[in-house]
Amino acid sequence: MARVVFTSNLQRHVSCPESVVEGGSVSEALRCVFAAQPQIRGYVLDEQGELRKHVFIFVDGRRARLADSISNSSEIFVLQALTGG
């Protein structure tokens, strides 16, 4: 099963502990996380179900999109990009 980790900058705004979930894609894995922890969804996805502008996902060390495939051993990191000066 894939491991989903939310970085500490997201955890400051909403409780989002690490999860181990099933799924064949990033989107399916996140759906499992959101089903168990619905408060996270609004911080990650917009009203159309797309990634928010400043949210990035990395799977096994590579930047990924929601439709990208994952394996049972994948590590998915969800982070919020920090901007400003």
Protein backbone atom coordinates (compact mmCIF):
# COMPACT_ATOMS: atom_id res chain seq x y z
CA MET A 1 0.00 0.00 0.00
CA ALA A 2 1.18 3.52 -0.77
CA ARG A 3 2.31 5.89 1.96
CA VAL A 4 0.90 9.46 1.86
CA VAL A 5 2.73 12.15 3.81
CA PHE A 6 1.69 15.79 4.21
CA THR A 7 4.50 18.22 4.90
CA SER A 8 4.62 20.21 8.12
CA ASN A 9 3.58 23.47 6.46
CA LEU A 10 0.19 21.89 5.62
CA GLN A 11 -0.05 20.33 9.07
CA ARG A 12 0.06 23.81 10.62
CA HIS A 13 -3.35 24.52 9.06
CA VAL A 14 -5.13 21.18 9.32
CA SER A 15 -4.57 17.86 10.99
CA CYS A 16 -3.25 15.52 8.29
CA PRO A 17 -1.34 12.57 9.69
CA GLU A 18 0.55 10.16 7.49
CA SER A 19 -1.64 7.51 5.87
CA VAL A 20 -1.15 4.15 4.20
CA VAL A 21 -3.73 3.62 1.46
CA GLU A 22 -4.52 1.61 -1.64
CA GLY A 23 -4.89 3.04 -5.11
CA GLY A 24 -3.57 2.78 -8.62
CA SER A 25 -3.12 6.52 -9.11
CA VAL A 26 -2.33 9.60 -7.05
CA SER A 27 -5.97 10.64 -7.31
CA GLU A 28 -7.24 7.28 -6.01
CA ALA A 29 -4.81 7.34 -3.10
CA LEU A 30 -5.85 10.86 -2.15
CA ARG A 31 -9.53 9.90 -2.37
CA CYS A 32 -8.86 7.24 0.26
CA VAL A 33 -7.15 9.80 2.48
CA PHE A 34 -10.00 12.31 2.03
CA ALA A 35 -12.60 9.65 2.85
CA ALA A 36 -10.92 9.06 6.21
CA GLN A 37 -9.93 12.70 6.79
CA PRO A 38 -12.29 15.00 4.85
CA GLN A 39 -10.89 18.18 6.42
CA ILE A 40 -7.76 17.84 4.26
CA ARG A 41 -9.50 17.93 0.87
CA GLY A 42 -10.10 21.70 0.78
CA TYR A 43 -6.44 22.43 1.44
CA VAL A 44 -5.28 20.17 -1.40
CA LEU A 45 -7.96 20.40 -4.10
CA ASP A 46 -10.01 23.31 -5.43
CA GLU A 47 -13.75 23.32 -6.13
CA GLN A 48 -13.21 21.56 -9.50
CA GLY A 49 -11.21 18.74 -7.90
CA GLU A 50 -7.87 19.99 -9.27
CA LEU A 51 -4.74 20.61 -7.25
CA ARG A 52 -4.68 24.05 -5.72
CA LYS A 53 -2.25 26.51 -7.31
CA HIS A 54 0.38 26.21 -4.59
CA VAL A 55 0.10 22.49 -3.84
CA PHE A 56 2.58 20.06 -5.32
CA ILE A 57 2.77 16.29 -5.18
CA PHE A 58 5.87 14.15 -5.40
CA VAL A 59 5.77 10.40 -5.89
CA ASP A 60 8.95 8.49 -5.19
CA GLY A 61 10.96 11.70 -5.45
CA ARG A 62 9.48 12.93 -8.74
CA ARG A 63 6.88 15.64 -9.24
CA ALA A 64 3.52 14.05 -10.10
CA ARG A 65 0.02 14.84 -11.30
CA LEU A 66 -3.26 13.46 -9.98
CA ALA A 67 -3.62 11.05 -12.91
CA ASP A 68 -0.14 9.54 -12.48
CA SER A 69 0.10 5.86 -11.62
CA ILE A 70 1.52 4.65 -8.33
CA SER A 71 2.64 1.31 -7.00
CA ASN A 72 1.97 -0.36 -3.65
CA SER A 73 5.40 0.74 -2.47
CA SER A 74 5.07 4.38 -3.57
CA GLU A 75 5.70 7.27 -1.23
CA ILE A 76 3.48 10.27 -1.96
CA PHE A 77 4.44 13.63 -0.50
CA VAL A 78 1.94 16.48 -0.58
CA LEU A 79 3.38 19.92 0.00
CA GLN A 80 2.32 23.50 -0.14
CA ALA A 81 4.77 25.71 -2.00
CA LEU A 82 5.83 28.75 -0.06
CA THR A 83 6.04 32.03 -1.94
CA GLY A 84 7.00 35.53 -1.08
CA GLY A 85 10.15 37.36 -0.30
